[in-house]
Amino acid sequence: MRWLKAAVIIMGVMIVAMLVTIVVTIFRRMSAPRPAAPVAVEAPAVPGTPAQADVTLPAGFSLRQVTAAGGRIVLHLAAADGRESLMLIDPTTGKVALTIALHTAP
């Protein structure tokens, strides 16, 4: 009987402690300042990264968008006839790592 009483007391204390933790976490997240908009950060130069890289676009293609993904620079290219492709560039070498042609399903 003493063990049951002790177990109930310990579980009650644990429930109260968890409840306090949840309330404190919610309060901290609600009172934390939120940034108004994403901030552009200039990346520092990485040793071994070329200061300049020449990338030749395929004939007839124009650059639509540039993004970074998975440690690569992704160029979204579009042609006047509607063809699109993605060109992945390795920023450490400045070389084209992969070119992906995008096709629509019939």
C-alpha atoms as a PDB file:
ATOM      1  CA  MET A   1       0.000   0.000   0.000  1.00  0.00           C
ATOM      2  CA  ARG A   2       2.888   2.343   0.750  1.00  0.00           C
ATOM      3  CA  TRP A   3       4.354   1.697  -2.707  1.00  0.00           C
ATOM      4  CA  LEU A   4       1.087   2.567  -4.394  1.00  0.00           C
ATOM      5  CA  LYS A   5       0.827   5.806  -2.419  1.00  0.00           C
ATOM      6  CA  ALA A   6       4.431   6.709  -3.309  1.00  0.00           C
ATOM      7  CA  ALA A   7       3.857   5.910  -6.994  1.00  0.00           C
ATOM      8  CA  VAL A   8       0.754   8.121  -7.120  1.00  0.00           C
ATOM      9  CA  ILE A   9       2.621  11.007  -5.480  1.00  0.00           C
ATOM     10  CA  ILE A  10       5.610  10.655  -7.850  1.00  0.00           C
ATOM     11  CA  MET A  11       3.353  10.524 -10.929  1.00  0.00           C
ATOM     12  CA  GLY A  12       1.414  13.555  -9.701  1.00  0.00           C
ATOM     13  CA  VAL A  13       4.651  15.531  -9.292  1.00  0.00           C
ATOM     14  CA  MET A  14       5.776  14.468 -12.787  1.00  0.00           C
ATOM     15  CA  ILE A  15       2.469  15.585 -14.330  1.00  0.00           C
ATOM     16  CA  VAL A  16       2.734  18.990 -12.637  1.00  0.00           C
ATOM     17  CA  ALA A  17       6.359  19.366 -13.771  1.00  0.00           C
ATOM     18  CA  MET A  18       5.465  18.516 -17.377  1.00  0.00           C
ATOM     19  CA  LEU A  19       2.531  20.927 -17.313  1.00  0.00           C
ATOM     20  CA  VAL A  20       4.779  23.724 -16.035  1.00  0.00           C
ATOM     21  CA  THR A  21       7.317  22.941 -18.777  1.00  0.00           C
ATOM     22  CA  ILE A  22       4.623  23.132 -21.470  1.00  0.00           C
ATOM     23  CA  VAL A  23       3.256  26.438 -20.148  1.00  0.00           C
ATOM     24  CA  VAL A  24       6.739  27.987 -19.937  1.00  0.00           C
ATOM     25  CA  THR A  25       7.565  26.816 -23.485  1.00  0.00           C
ATOM     26  CA  ILE A  26       4.343  28.281 -24.879  1.00  0.00           C
ATOM     27  CA  PHE A  27       4.965  31.576 -23.059  1.00  0.00           C
ATOM     28  CA  ARG A  28       8.541  31.839 -24.371  1.00  0.00           C
ATOM     29  CA  ARG A  29       7.506  31.136 -27.953  1.00  0.00           C
ATOM     30  CA  MET A  30       4.688  33.669 -27.813  1.00  0.00           C
ATOM     31  CA  SER A  31       6.886  36.399 -26.348  1.00  0.00           C
ATOM     32  CA  ALA A  32       9.885  35.806 -28.632  1.00  0.00           C
ATOM     33  CA  PRO A  33      10.383  38.535 -31.254  1.00  0.00           C
ATOM     34  CA  ARG A  34       9.581  37.515 -34.796  1.00  0.00           C
ATOM     35  CA  PRO A  35      11.519  38.821 -37.788  1.00  0.00           C
ATOM     36  CA  ALA A  36       9.396  40.961 -40.107  1.00  0.00           C
ATOM     37  CA  ALA A  37      10.853  39.509 -43.285  1.00  0.00           C
ATOM     38  CA  PRO A  38      13.606  37.122 -44.321  1.00  0.00           C
ATOM     39  CA  VAL A  39      17.002  38.735 -44.102  1.00  0.00           C
ATOM     40  CA  ALA A  40      19.467  38.351 -46.932  1.00  0.00           C
ATOM     41  CA  VAL A  41      22.822  37.177 -45.653  1.00  0.00           C
ATOM     42  CA  GLU A  42      25.967  37.435 -47.666  1.00  0.00           C
ATOM     43  CA  ALA A  43      27.938  34.219 -47.424  1.00  0.00           C
ATOM     44  CA  PRO A  44      31.602  34.546 -46.549  1.00  0.00           C
ATOM     45  CA  ALA A  45      34.145  33.402 -49.072  1.00  0.00           C
ATOM     46  CA  VAL A  46      34.889  29.713 -48.791  1.00  0.00           C
ATOM     47  CA  PRO A  47      38.512  28.672 -49.282  1.00  0.00           C
ATOM     48  CA  GLY A  48      38.843  26.865 -52.581  1.00  0.00           C
ATOM     49  CA  THR A  49      35.765  28.546 -54.055  1.00  0.00           C
ATOM     50  CA  PRO A  50      36.506  30.268 -57.346  1.00  0.00           C
ATOM     51  CA  ALA A  51      36.005  34.022 -57.293  1.00  0.00           C
ATOM     52  CA  GLN A  52      34.558  33.820 -60.795  1.00  0.00           C
ATOM     53  CA  ALA A  53      32.967  31.016 -62.743  1.00  0.00           C
ATOM     54  CA  ASP A  54      31.889  31.081 -66.374  1.00  0.00           C
ATOM     55  CA  VAL A  55      28.703  29.156 -67.122  1.00  0.00           C
ATOM     56  CA  THR A  56      27.539  28.798 -70.716  1.00  0.00           C
ATOM     57  CA  LEU A  57      23.783  28.477 -71.118  1.00  0.00           C
ATOM     58  CA  PRO A  58      22.481  26.095 -73.785  1.00  0.00           C
ATOM     59  CA  ALA A  59      21.600  27.773 -77.089  1.00  0.00           C
ATOM     60  CA  GLY A  60      18.157  29.393 -77.051  1.00  0.00           C
ATOM     61  CA  PHE A  61      17.758  29.263 -73.261  1.00  0.00           C
ATOM     62  CA  SER A  62      17.452  32.211 -70.892  1.00  0.00           C
ATOM     63  CA  LEU A  63      17.915  32.349 -67.132  1.00  0.00           C
ATOM     64  CA  ARG A  64      14.639  32.405 -65.216  1.00  0.00           C
ATOM     65  CA  GLN A  65      15.623  31.906 -61.577  1.00  0.00           C
ATOM     66  CA  VAL A  66      18.644  31.186 -59.381  1.00  0.00           C
ATOM     67  CA  THR A  67      18.338  29.319 -56.077  1.00  0.00           C
ATOM     68  CA  ALA A  68      20.552  27.333 -53.732  1.00  0.00           C
ATOM     69  CA  ALA A  69      19.715  23.762 -52.773  1.00  0.00           C
ATOM     70  CA  GLY A  70      21.732  21.028 -51.109  1.00  0.00           C
ATOM     71  CA  GLY A  71      25.050  22.827 -51.406  1.00  0.00           C
ATOM     72  CA  ARG A  72      24.513  23.463 -55.131  1.00  0.00           C
ATOM     73  CA  ILE A  73      23.451  26.506 -57.128  1.00  0.00           C
ATOM     74  CA  VAL A  74      20.367  25.754 -59.230  1.00  0.00           C
ATOM     75  CA  LEU A  75      19.708  27.708 -62.423  1.00  0.00           C
ATOM     76  CA  HIS A  76      16.178  27.458 -63.820  1.00  0.00           C
ATOM     77  CA  LEU A  77      16.414  27.896 -67.581  1.00  0.00           C
ATOM     78  CA  ALA A  78      13.619  28.465 -70.106  1.00  0.00           C
ATOM     79  CA  ALA A  79      13.616  28.446 -73.902  1.00  0.00           C
ATOM     80  CA  ALA A  80      11.362  30.528 -76.143  1.00  0.00           C
ATOM     81  CA  ASP A  81       9.640  27.356 -77.404  1.00  0.00           C
ATOM     82  CA  GLY A  82       8.540  26.401 -73.863  1.00  0.00           C
ATOM     83  CA  ARG A  83      11.274  23.908 -72.987  1.00  0.00           C
ATOM     84  CA  GLU A  84      12.644  24.185 -69.449  1.00  0.00           C
ATOM     85  CA  SER A  85      15.627  22.716 -67.661  1.00  0.00           C
ATOM     86  CA  LEU A  86      17.550  22.911 -64.414  1.00  0.00           C
ATOM     87  CA  MET A  87      21.310  23.300 -64.264  1.00  0.00           C
ATOM     88  CA  LEU A  88      23.061  22.412 -60.994  1.00  0.00           C
ATOM     89  CA  ILE A  89      26.421  24.077 -60.412  1.00  0.00           C
ATOM     90  CA  ASP A  90      28.964  23.013 -57.804  1.00  0.00           C
ATOM     91  CA  PRO A  91      30.005  26.251 -56.054  1.00  0.00           C
ATOM     92  CA  THR A  92      33.382  24.872 -54.970  1.00  0.00           C
ATOM     93  CA  THR A  93      34.529  24.210 -58.540  1.00  0.00           C
ATOM     94  CA  GLY A  94      32.238  26.463 -60.574  1.00  0.00           C
ATOM     95  CA  LYS A  95      31.509  23.542 -62.920  1.00  0.00           C
ATOM     96  CA  VAL A  96      28.121  22.263 -64.056  1.00  0.00           C
ATOM     97  CA  ALA A  97      27.379  19.206 -61.934  1.00  0.00           C
ATOM     98  CA  LEU A  98      24.108  18.150 -63.577  1.00  0.00           C
ATOM     99  CA  THR A  99      21.617  19.338 -66.189  1.00  0.00           C
ATOM    100  CA  ILE A 100      17.999  18.177 -65.898  1.00  0.00           C
ATOM    101  CA  ALA A 101      15.569  18.580 -68.812  1.00  0.00           C
ATOM    102  CA  LEU A 102      11.992  19.124 -67.633  1.00  0.00           C
ATOM    103  CA  HIS A 103       9.160  17.542 -69.645  1.00  0.00           C
ATOM    104  CA  THR A 104       5.406  17.604 -69.177  1.00  0.00           C
ATOM    105  CA  ALA A 105       3.471  14.371 -69.111  1.00  0.00           C
ATOM    106  CA  PRO A 106       1.325  13.686 -72.209  1.00  0.00           C
END
